[in-house]
Amino acid sequence: MSDILIVDDERDIRELISDILIDEGYTTRLAANSEDCMAQVNAEPPALMILDIWLKDSRMDGIDILTATKRDNPDIPVVIISGHGNIEIAVAAIKQGAYDFIEKPFNIDQLLVVIRRAMEASRLRRENQELRRRDVTQAEMVGSSAAFKALRAQLDKVTKSNGRVMLRGPSGCGKEVAARYIHAGSNRAGGPFVVVNSASIEPDRMEEVLFGRESPERGVEPGLLEQAHGGIIYFDEIADMPLGTQSKILRVLVDQQFQRAGGADKVRVDLRVISSTTRDLAAEITAGNFREELYHRLNVVPIEVPALDERREDIPELAAHFIRAFNRDQGLPLRAFSSEAAALLQTMDWPGNVRQLKNVIERVLILGEGSEPIAAGELPIPAEAPAEQGRVVLSGGLATLPLREARELFEREYLLTQINRFGGNISRTASFVGMERSALHRKLKTLGVVTSAKTNGRVAHVDPEGGAD
């Protein structure tokens, strides 16, 4: 967005500034009085306004326009120009929110520098607002299960304190979302939330990334700890942090200060620490991979984040949440789930937890067409999903039926499979399934399963006229 509104009662000045800006690649609009100016601002706010203080034949002067603009459109940067320059006007304009003040006759190069800086500041402000909006979205806790409510109750207890929190749980269960939830509800919500991905930073670069660097060639480069000043630093997968770095982090937690690499001065920081891990840190300490003292410093408030298997009733709600988010952020279709697909989601195995569910939803929305409800057949179900010992992985159709119908369907399909497996031999089938031969015959008749000579590899089939009453 490069649309600039130029407001000046002198036509020559308006057109001169406009011609200069057009040559620089900007688009411009012109206004000679306050009425025209405010009408244009209300119709379509500009990216920037260049505003003269004194406007002849206008109901409002420049300061009045500035005040009204900043009240209704605070993100529009306003550059004040005036041929009656004095320090009092400049101070009044800056106090009312003007980005800068330039005195007529102005230097063209100076004007362009101020405009570029103002446009850049406006762009950064919009980006920061977008990032903050995303942070709020990423901190949304979705669910209504007992396990979820217990988690949120624990998080609510620690938000207002400054205590260090250790979040534990399997990969993808939502530990970072929980950390962001703490940040959003804390007294540091206005400060930064900085993530340290301990597993993804090269060990030989870890200290430079955390503490920053000073050099004559590149000056001061702040590290993640310094960037988190006034807010929260989140150590994701803290068990992956190198032992040498662990010692220095421990010192930071004690002293709240550190030195940049190549620097001599101490840098003081005010930050809160939240950590997470998928590992058993007690075992890591025993193995010599984690410092026990650091563990005790970080593990002030341990909180377990449940796996998705422990909160299956939240799956439809989470799925709907992700659909809305993908529609808002990526323009993907806003689709609902059919009852069969929703039921199937709750029966599937989720080793990747909430992260895996989110990825599945995104895939379905990308590959699907139209806005019809998502069918069970659209879900990417493995052909032979491995089942845990003692568990049966239900098919999509079976998972969506009432118990009586599901039991009949399962028994029919199971017995068909076994009869075909034993080549139609009822005696061998009965022995394998643990039934008397006569009882098996009665069950087959009840279920509408009839045996016959081999046909296309099948020796048993369902009688469409048979089945239970």
Protein backbone atom coordinates (compact mmCIF):
# COMPACT_ATOMS: atom_id res chain seq x y z
CA MET A 1 0.00 0.00 0.00
CA SER A 2 1.63 3.28 -1.19
CA ASP A 3 -1.31 5.68 -1.45
CA ILE A 4 -0.41 9.13 -0.02
CA LEU A 5 -2.91 11.92 0.67
CA ILE A 6 -1.46 15.44 0.27
CA VAL A 7 -3.41 18.20 2.05
CA ASP A 8 -2.38 21.82 1.35
CA ASP A 9 -4.33 24.95 0.46
CA GLU A 10 -1.67 26.01 -2.07
CA ARG A 11 -2.22 24.25 -5.38
CA ASP A 12 1.40 24.61 -6.52
CA ILE A 13 2.67 22.93 -3.33
CA ARG A 14 0.17 20.08 -3.63
CA GLU A 15 1.07 19.35 -7.21
CA LEU A 16 4.83 19.74 -6.67
CA ILE A 17 4.83 17.19 -3.85
CA SER A 18 2.55 14.90 -5.87
CA ASP A 19 4.82 15.00 -8.94
CA ILE A 20 7.87 14.19 -6.81
CA LEU A 21 6.15 11.25 -5.12
CA ILE A 22 4.75 9.87 -8.38
CA ASP A 23 8.30 9.90 -9.81
CA GLU A 24 9.32 7.84 -6.75
CA GLY A 25 6.66 5.21 -7.48
CA TYR A 26 3.95 6.33 -5.04
CA THR A 27 0.31 7.02 -5.89
CA THR A 28 -1.19 10.25 -4.58
CA ARG A 29 -4.48 11.94 -3.79
CA LEU A 30 -4.90 15.69 -3.28
CA ALA A 31 -7.09 17.79 -0.97
CA ALA A 32 -7.24 21.58 -0.65
CA ASN A 33 -9.33 21.89 2.52
CA SER A 34 -10.40 20.01 5.63
CA GLU A 35 -13.77 18.94 4.25
CA ASP A 36 -12.24 17.30 1.19
CA CYS A 37 -9.49 15.77 3.31
CA MET A 38 -11.80 14.15 5.86
CA ALA A 39 -14.15 12.91 3.14
CA GLN A 40 -11.24 11.11 1.45
CA VAL A 41 -9.92 9.68 4.71
CA ASN A 42 -13.37 8.35 5.64
CA ALA A 43 -13.95 6.91 2.16
CA GLU A 44 -10.58 5.09 2.00
CA PRO A 45 -7.81 5.67 4.57
CA PRO A 46 -4.47 6.47 2.89
CA ALA A 47 -1.17 4.78 3.70
CA LEU A 48 0.26 8.17 4.74
CA MET A 49 -0.86 11.80 4.96
CA ILE A 50 1.18 14.93 4.27
CA LEU A 51 -0.68 17.72 6.06
CA ASP A 52 -0.27 21.51 6.06
CA ILE A 53 -0.89 23.21 9.42
CA TRP A 54 -2.64 26.30 8.04
CA LEU A 55 -5.55 25.74 5.64
CA LYS A 56 -7.43 28.78 4.28
CA ASP A 57 -11.19 28.65 4.03
CA SER A 58 -11.36 25.43 6.06
CA ARG A 59 -13.44 24.57 9.09
CA MET A 60 -10.54 22.65 10.65
CA ASP A 61 -6.84 23.46 10.76
CA GLY A 62 -4.06 20.87 10.46
CA ILE A 63 -3.94 20.10 14.19
CA ASP A 64 -7.71 19.47 14.22
CA ILE A 65 -7.41 17.15 11.20
CA LEU A 66 -4.48 15.36 12.84
CA THR A 67 -6.47 14.82 16.03
CA ALA A 68 -9.53 13.50 14.18
CA THR A 69 -7.43 11.23 11.96
CA LYS A 70 -5.49 9.72 14.86
CA ARG A 71 -8.72 9.17 16.79
CA ASP A 72 -10.39 7.14 14.02
CA ASN A 73 -7.33 5.84 12.09
CA PRO A 74 -4.41 5.69 14.52
CA ASP A 75 -2.24 3.67 12.13
CA ILE A 76 -2.05 6.37 9.46
CA PRO A 77 1.33 8.17 9.76
CA VAL A 78 0.96 11.95 9.37
CA VAL A 79 3.82 14.23 8.28
CA ILE A 80 3.15 17.90 9.15
CA ILE A 81 4.43 20.72 6.89
CA SER A 82 4.17 24.43 7.60
CA GLY A 83 5.55 27.73 6.37
CA HIS A 84 5.00 29.24 9.77
CA GLY A 85 7.43 27.02 11.58
CA ASN A 86 7.96 27.38 15.26
CA ILE A 87 8.84 24.87 17.93
CA GLU A 88 5.48 25.15 19.69
CA ILE A 89 3.56 23.99 16.61
CA ALA A 90 6.01 21.14 16.07
CA VAL A 91 5.68 19.99 19.69
CA ALA A 92 1.87 20.23 19.51
CA ALA A 93 1.82 18.16 16.30
CA ILE A 94 4.11 15.45 17.70
CA LYS A 95 2.05 15.29 20.92
CA GLN A 96 -1.08 14.72 18.85
CA GLY A 97 0.58 11.78 17.09
CA ALA A 98 2.32 13.27 14.04
CA TYR A 99 5.20 11.17 12.74
CA ASP A 100 7.41 14.18 11.95
CA PHE A 101 7.37 17.93 11.25
CA ILE A 102 8.94 19.63 8.20
CA GLU A 103 9.21 23.38 7.73
CA LYS A 104 8.57 25.15 4.41
CA PRO A 105 10.43 25.69 2.20
CA PHE A 106 11.43 22.07 2.55
CA ASN A 107 14.30 20.11 1.08
CA ILE A 108 13.01 17.44 -1.33
CA ASP A 109 15.55 14.85 -0.22
CA GLN A 110 14.63 15.48 3.41
CA LEU A 111 10.93 15.08 2.60
CA LEU A 112 11.53 11.77 0.80
CA VAL A 113 13.61 10.41 3.67
CA VAL A 114 10.88 11.26 6.18
CA ILE A 115 8.19 9.71 3.97
CA ARG A 116 10.16 6.48 3.46
CA ARG A 117 10.76 6.17 7.19
CA ALA A 118 7.12 6.88 7.98
CA MET A 119 5.92 4.29 5.44
CA GLU A 120 8.36 1.71 6.83
CA ALA A 121 7.23 2.43 10.39
CA SER A 122 3.61 2.02 9.29
CA ARG A 123 4.40 -1.28 7.59
CA LEU A 124 6.20 -2.61 10.67
CA ARG A 125 3.32 -1.55 12.88
CA ARG A 126 0.83 -3.45 10.70
CA GLU A 127 3.08 -6.52 10.67
CA ASN A 128 3.41 -6.41 14.46
CA GLN A 129 -0.36 -6.18 14.82
CA GLU A 130 -0.76 -9.16 12.50
CA LEU A 131 1.80 -11.14 14.48
CA ARG A 132 0.05 -10.26 17.74
CA ARG A 133 -3.25 -11.34 16.22
CA ARG A 134 -1.68 -14.65 15.22
CA ASP A 135 -0.19 -15.03 18.68
CA VAL A 136 -3.66 -14.66 20.18
CA THR A 137 -4.98 -17.25 17.70
CA GLN A 138 -2.12 -19.62 18.49
CA ALA A 139 -2.88 -19.26 22.20
CA GLU A 140 -6.50 -20.42 21.80
CA MET A 141 -7.23 -23.47 23.94
CA VAL A 142 -9.98 -25.59 22.37
CA GLY A 143 -11.80 -28.43 24.08
CA SER A 144 -14.40 -29.41 26.66
CA SER A 145 -13.27 -32.84 27.86
CA ALA A 146 -12.46 -33.51 31.50
CA ALA A 147 -8.75 -33.89 30.69
CA PHE A 148 -8.74 -30.58 28.82
CA LYS A 149 -10.59 -28.73 31.58
CA ALA A 150 -8.13 -30.04 34.15
CA LEU A 151 -5.22 -28.80 32.02
CA ARG A 152 -6.72 -25.35 31.55
CA ALA A 153 -7.45 -25.06 35.27
CA GLN A 154 -3.77 -25.72 35.99
CA LEU A 155 -2.64 -23.19 33.38
CA ASP A 156 -5.00 -20.54 34.76
CA LYS A 157 -3.40 -20.92 38.18
CA VAL A 158 0.09 -20.09 36.88
CA THR A 159 -0.66 -17.29 34.40
CA LYS A 160 -0.45 -14.39 36.85
CA SER A 161 2.63 -15.60 38.68
CA ASN A 162 6.21 -15.27 37.52
CA GLY A 163 7.01 -18.90 38.36
CA ARG A 164 8.85 -21.14 35.93
CA VAL A 165 6.69 -23.82 34.32
CA MET A 166 7.73 -27.18 32.85
CA LEU A 167 5.24 -28.57 30.33
CA ARG A 168 5.51 -32.32 29.77
CA GLY A 169 3.74 -34.47 27.19
CA PRO A 170 4.15 -36.36 23.90
CA SER A 171 5.17 -34.64 20.69
CA GLY A 172 2.39 -32.66 19.03
CA CYS A 173 0.05 -32.59 22.03
CA GLY A 174 -0.05 -28.77 22.25
CA LYS A 175 2.68 -27.79 24.70
CA GLU A 176 3.54 -24.59 22.82
CA VAL A 177 -0.14 -23.62 22.65
CA ALA A 178 -0.29 -24.08 26.43
CA ALA A 179 2.81 -21.88 26.84
CA ARG A 180 1.26 -19.17 24.65
CA TYR A 181 -1.95 -19.42 26.68
CA ILE A 182 0.05 -18.69 29.83
CA HIS A 183 1.69 -15.71 28.11
CA ALA A 184 -1.60 -14.31 26.81
CA GLY A 185 -3.15 -14.37 30.30
CA SER A 186 -0.09 -13.13 32.17
CA ASN A 187 1.08 -9.68 33.22
CA ARG A 188 3.66 -9.99 30.44
CA ALA A 189 1.09 -10.33 27.65
CA GLY A 190 2.23 -7.01 26.18
CA GLY A 191 5.81 -8.26 26.02
CA PRO A 192 7.42 -10.67 23.54
CA PHE A 193 6.99 -14.44 23.42
CA VAL A 194 10.26 -15.88 22.11
CA VAL A 195 10.61 -19.55 21.17
CA VAL A 196 13.94 -21.39 21.46
CA ASN A 197 13.77 -24.58 19.39
CA SER A 198 16.48 -26.42 21.27
CA ALA A 199 16.41 -29.42 18.92
CA SER A 200 16.76 -27.38 15.70
CA ILE A 201 19.67 -25.08 16.65
CA GLU A 202 23.15 -26.38 15.86
CA PRO A 203 24.99 -27.05 19.15
CA ASP A 204 27.99 -24.94 18.12
CA ARG A 205 25.67 -21.97 17.42
CA MET A 206 23.41 -22.35 20.46
CA GLU A 207 25.19 -19.80 22.66
CA GLU A 208 25.45 -17.19 19.91
CA VAL A 209 21.73 -17.61 19.13
CA LEU A 210 20.79 -17.30 22.81
CA PHE A 211 23.21 -14.61 24.03
CA GLY A 212 23.85 -12.61 20.85
CA ARG A 213 27.14 -11.30 19.48
CA GLU A 214 29.20 -8.14 19.34
CA SER A 215 31.81 -7.44 16.65
CA PRO A 216 33.45 -4.33 15.13
CA GLU A 217 32.21 -5.32 11.68
CA ARG A 218 28.57 -6.06 12.47
CA GLY A 219 28.02 -4.21 15.73
CA VAL A 220 25.58 -5.58 18.32
CA GLU A 221 23.37 -8.54 17.31
CA PRO A 222 20.90 -9.29 20.14
CA GLY A 223 20.25 -12.94 20.98
CA LEU A 224 16.96 -14.59 21.83
CA LEU A 225 17.34 -13.95 25.57
CA GLU A 226 17.73 -10.22 24.96
CA GLN A 227 14.80 -10.23 22.51
CA ALA A 228 12.62 -11.79 25.21
CA HIS A 229 13.30 -8.96 27.69
CA GLY A 230 10.06 -7.98 29.43
CA GLY A 231 8.24 -11.09 28.19
CA ILE A 232 8.51 -14.87 28.14
CA ILE A 233 11.16 -17.15 26.67
CA TYR A 234 9.96 -20.65 25.81
CA PHE A 235 12.55 -23.44 25.68
CA ASP A 236 11.00 -26.09 23.46
CA GLU A 237 12.50 -29.57 24.00
CA ILE A 238 14.87 -28.35 26.71
CA ALA A 239 16.44 -31.85 26.94
CA ASP A 240 18.11 -31.23 23.57
CA MET A 241 20.10 -28.24 24.87
CA PRO A 242 23.89 -28.93 24.98
CA LEU A 243 25.34 -29.47 28.46
CA GLY A 244 27.70 -26.50 28.14
CA THR A 245 24.83 -24.18 27.27
CA GLN A 246 22.79 -25.60 30.15
CA SER A 247 25.43 -24.32 32.59
CA LYS A 248 25.25 -20.81 31.15
CA ILE A 249 21.44 -20.78 31.13
CA LEU A 250 21.55 -21.80 34.78
CA ARG A 251 23.77 -18.78 35.49
CA VAL A 252 21.33 -16.50 33.63
CA LEU A 253 18.44 -17.80 35.75
CA VAL A 254 20.41 -17.03 38.89
CA ASP A 255 21.86 -13.63 37.92
CA GLN A 256 19.33 -12.41 35.30
CA GLN A 257 22.29 -11.17 33.25
CA PHE A 258 24.83 -12.45 30.72
CA GLN A 259 27.48 -11.36 28.22
CA ARG A 260 27.11 -11.42 24.45
CA ALA A 261 29.69 -13.42 22.50
CA GLY A 262 32.59 -11.08 21.83
CA GLY A 263 31.25 -8.49 24.28
CA ALA A 264 32.54 -7.23 27.60
CA ASP A 265 29.46 -5.59 29.13
CA LYS A 266 26.81 -7.39 31.17
CA VAL A 267 23.32 -7.43 29.65
CA ARG A 268 20.50 -7.47 32.20
CA VAL A 269 17.22 -9.14 31.26
CA ASP A 270 13.80 -9.42 32.87
CA LEU A 271 12.06 -12.51 31.57
CA ARG A 272 9.95 -15.47 32.58
CA VAL A 273 10.95 -18.98 31.53
CA ILE A 274 8.64 -21.75 30.32
CA SER A 275 10.13 -25.06 29.21
CA SER A 276 8.78 -28.21 27.60
CA THR A 277 9.97 -31.75 27.06
CA THR A 278 8.79 -35.07 25.69
CA ARG A 279 11.51 -36.95 27.56
CA ASP A 280 11.90 -38.26 31.10
CA LEU A 281 14.32 -35.64 32.47
CA ALA A 282 15.01 -37.71 35.59
CA ALA A 283 16.36 -40.46 33.31
CA GLU A 284 18.34 -37.86 31.32
CA ILE A 285 19.91 -36.62 34.57
CA THR A 286 20.87 -40.18 35.53
CA ALA A 287 22.42 -40.67 32.08
CA GLY A 288 24.44 -37.48 32.51
CA ASN A 289 22.67 -35.63 29.69
CA PHE A 290 20.91 -32.98 31.79
CA ARG A 291 22.04 -30.87 34.73
CA GLU A 292 20.06 -31.67 37.86
CA GLU A 293 20.34 -28.13 39.23
CA LEU A 294 18.92 -26.67 36.00
CA TYR A 295 16.09 -29.21 36.16
CA HIS A 296 15.12 -28.04 39.64
CA ARG A 297 15.31 -24.38 38.54
CA LEU A 298 13.00 -25.00 35.57
CA ASN A 299 10.63 -27.54 37.12
CA VAL A 300 9.04 -25.20 39.67
CA VAL A 301 5.52 -25.93 38.37
CA PRO A 302 5.32 -29.18 36.35
CA ILE A 303 2.21 -29.53 34.20
CA GLU A 304 1.26 -32.59 32.14
CA VAL A 305 -0.29 -31.86 28.74
CA PRO A 306 -2.51 -34.84 27.77
CA ALA A 307 -2.16 -36.74 24.51
CA LEU A 308 -5.04 -36.55 22.04
CA ASP A 309 -5.98 -40.16 22.89
CA GLU A 310 -6.80 -38.93 26.42
CA ARG A 311 -9.23 -36.30 25.12
CA ARG A 312 -10.88 -37.91 22.09
CA GLU A 313 -14.18 -36.15 22.73
CA ASP A 314 -12.42 -32.87 21.87
CA ILE A 315 -11.52 -34.05 18.34
CA PRO A 316 -14.65 -32.72 16.51
CA GLU A 317 -14.28 -29.36 18.26
CA LEU A 318 -10.57 -29.18 17.41
CA ALA A 319 -11.28 -30.15 13.80
CA ALA A 320 -13.88 -27.38 13.44
CA HIS A 321 -11.43 -24.91 15.00
CA PHE A 322 -8.73 -25.83 12.47
CA ILE A 323 -11.16 -25.54 9.57
CA ARG A 324 -12.06 -21.99 10.61
CA ALA A 325 -8.38 -21.12 11.03
CA PHE A 326 -7.43 -22.48 7.59
CA ASN A 327 -10.35 -20.62 6.04
CA ARG A 328 -9.28 -17.36 7.69
CA ASP A 329 -5.53 -17.65 7.09
CA GLN A 330 -5.33 -19.55 3.79
CA GLY A 331 -8.74 -19.12 2.20
CA LEU A 332 -9.41 -22.87 2.27
CA PRO A 333 -13.07 -23.99 2.06
CA LEU A 334 -15.19 -23.61 5.17
CA ARG A 335 -16.53 -27.15 5.36
CA ALA A 336 -18.24 -29.13 8.10
CA PHE A 337 -17.76 -32.80 8.93
CA SER A 338 -20.40 -35.39 8.21
CA SER A 339 -21.46 -37.37 11.29
CA GLU A 340 -19.70 -40.44 9.86
CA ALA A 341 -16.43 -38.55 9.31
CA ALA A 342 -16.59 -36.96 12.76
CA ALA A 343 -17.12 -40.37 14.37
CA LEU A 344 -14.26 -41.84 12.35
CA LEU A 345 -11.91 -39.06 13.46
CA GLN A 346 -12.58 -40.06 17.05
CA THR A 347 -11.76 -43.72 16.42
CA MET A 348 -8.51 -43.18 14.50
CA ASP A 349 -5.10 -43.52 16.11
CA TRP A 350 -3.27 -40.21 16.53
CA PRO A 351 0.39 -40.89 17.34
CA GLY A 352 1.19 -37.33 16.25
CA ASN A 353 -1.55 -35.93 18.50
CA VAL A 354 -3.09 -32.51 17.82
CA ARG A 355 -0.40 -31.60 15.29
CA GLN A 356 -1.25 -34.69 13.22
CA LEU A 357 -4.96 -33.89 13.40
CA LYS A 358 -4.27 -30.36 12.16
CA ASN A 359 -2.21 -31.69 9.25
CA VAL A 360 -4.96 -34.14 8.29
CA ILE A 361 -7.57 -31.36 8.29
CA GLU A 362 -5.37 -29.17 6.09
CA ARG A 363 -4.78 -32.04 3.64
CA VAL A 364 -8.50 -32.79 3.37
CA LEU A 365 -9.36 -29.14 2.74
CA ILE A 366 -6.64 -28.76 0.10
CA LEU A 367 -7.54 -31.94 -1.80
CA GLY A 368 -11.30 -31.68 -1.40
CA GLU A 369 -13.69 -29.81 -3.65
CA GLY A 370 -16.70 -27.61 -3.01
CA SER A 371 -18.24 -26.81 0.33
CA GLU A 372 -20.13 -30.04 0.96
CA PRO A 373 -19.65 -31.76 4.34
CA ILE A 374 -16.46 -33.82 4.56
CA ALA A 375 -17.21 -37.50 4.02
CA ALA A 376 -15.52 -40.37 5.85
CA GLY A 377 -13.96 -41.52 2.57
CA GLU A 378 -11.96 -38.27 2.31
CA LEU A 379 -9.97 -39.02 5.46
CA PRO A 380 -6.50 -40.48 4.84
CA ILE A 381 -6.85 -43.80 6.66
CA PRO A 382 -4.01 -46.33 6.29
CA ALA A 383 -5.07 -49.56 4.54
CA GLU A 384 -3.77 -51.67 7.42
CA ALA A 385 -3.33 -49.43 10.43
CA PRO A 386 -1.34 -51.28 13.11
CA ALA A 387 -3.38 -51.83 16.26
CA GLU A 388 -2.04 -51.78 19.78
CA GLN A 389 -2.18 -55.08 21.63
CA GLY A 390 -5.64 -55.54 23.08
CA ARG A 391 -7.21 -52.97 20.73
CA VAL A 392 -9.19 -53.23 17.52
CA VAL A 393 -9.04 -50.42 14.97
CA LEU A 394 -12.61 -49.90 13.78
CA SER A 395 -13.40 -49.19 10.15
CA GLY A 396 -15.21 -45.98 9.22
CA GLY A 397 -18.56 -47.69 8.63
CA LEU A 398 -18.40 -49.77 11.80
CA ALA A 399 -17.48 -46.78 13.95
CA THR A 400 -20.58 -44.85 12.96
CA LEU A 401 -23.22 -47.55 13.64
CA PRO A 402 -25.25 -48.26 16.78
CA LEU A 403 -23.91 -51.18 18.85
CA ARG A 404 -26.48 -53.79 17.66
CA GLU A 405 -25.93 -53.09 13.97
CA ALA A 406 -22.16 -52.78 14.40
CA ARG A 407 -22.04 -56.13 16.23
CA GLU A 408 -24.03 -57.89 13.47
CA LEU A 409 -21.89 -56.34 10.75
CA PHE A 410 -18.69 -57.32 12.55
CA GLU A 411 -19.83 -60.89 13.22
CA ARG A 412 -20.95 -61.36 9.60
CA GLU A 413 -17.71 -60.03 8.14
CA TYR A 414 -15.61 -61.94 10.67
CA LEU A 415 -17.31 -65.27 9.99
CA LEU A 416 -17.19 -64.73 6.21
CA THR A 417 -13.47 -64.15 6.51
CA GLN A 418 -12.89 -67.26 8.62
CA ILE A 419 -15.02 -69.56 6.44
CA ASN A 420 -13.17 -68.42 3.33
CA ARG A 421 -9.89 -68.74 5.21
CA PHE A 422 -10.63 -72.45 5.89
CA GLY A 423 -11.90 -73.15 2.39
CA GLY A 424 -15.54 -73.48 3.42
CA ASN A 425 -14.84 -76.16 6.02
CA ILE A 426 -17.43 -75.50 8.72
CA SER A 427 -15.88 -77.92 11.20
CA ARG A 428 -12.44 -76.27 11.04
CA THR A 429 -14.05 -72.84 11.16
CA ALA A 430 -16.13 -73.76 14.21
CA SER A 431 -13.06 -75.13 15.97
CA PHE A 432 -11.04 -71.97 15.29
CA VAL A 433 -13.73 -69.49 16.39
CA GLY A 434 -14.57 -71.61 19.47
CA MET A 435 -18.17 -72.58 18.63
CA GLU A 436 -20.06 -75.84 18.30
CA ARG A 437 -20.67 -76.78 14.65
CA SER A 438 -24.44 -76.60 15.12
CA ALA A 439 -24.22 -73.26 16.88
CA LEU A 440 -22.11 -71.88 14.05
CA HIS A 441 -24.71 -73.04 11.50
CA ARG A 442 -27.45 -71.25 13.47
CA LYS A 443 -25.36 -68.07 13.74
CA LEU A 444 -24.62 -68.11 10.00
CA LYS A 445 -28.31 -68.50 9.22
CA THR A 446 -29.21 -65.64 11.58
CA LEU A 447 -26.64 -63.38 9.95
CA GLY A 448 -27.69 -64.35 6.42
CA VAL A 449 -24.39 -66.04 5.59
CA VAL A 450 -24.67 -69.04 3.27
CA THR A 451 -21.89 -71.39 2.17
CA SER A 452 -21.51 -72.69 -1.36
CA ALA A 453 -18.95 -74.08 -3.76
CA LYS A 454 -15.97 -71.89 -4.48
CA THR A 455 -16.81 -69.02 -6.77
CA ASN A 456 -14.17 -66.47 -7.67
CA GLY A 457 -12.23 -67.40 -4.58
CA ARG A 458 -15.22 -67.04 -2.25
CA VAL A 459 -16.88 -70.00 -0.56
CA ALA A 460 -19.28 -68.00 1.60
CA HIS A 461 -21.46 -64.99 0.89
CA VAL A 462 -24.28 -62.94 2.38
CA ASP A 463 -27.82 -63.99 1.49
CA PRO A 464 -29.66 -60.72 0.65
CA GLU A 465 -32.91 -62.36 1.80
CA GLY A 466 -31.41 -63.60 5.04
CA GLY A 467 -30.14 -61.81 8.13
CA ALA A 468 -31.51 -61.14 11.55
CA ASP A 469 -35.15 -60.30 12.05
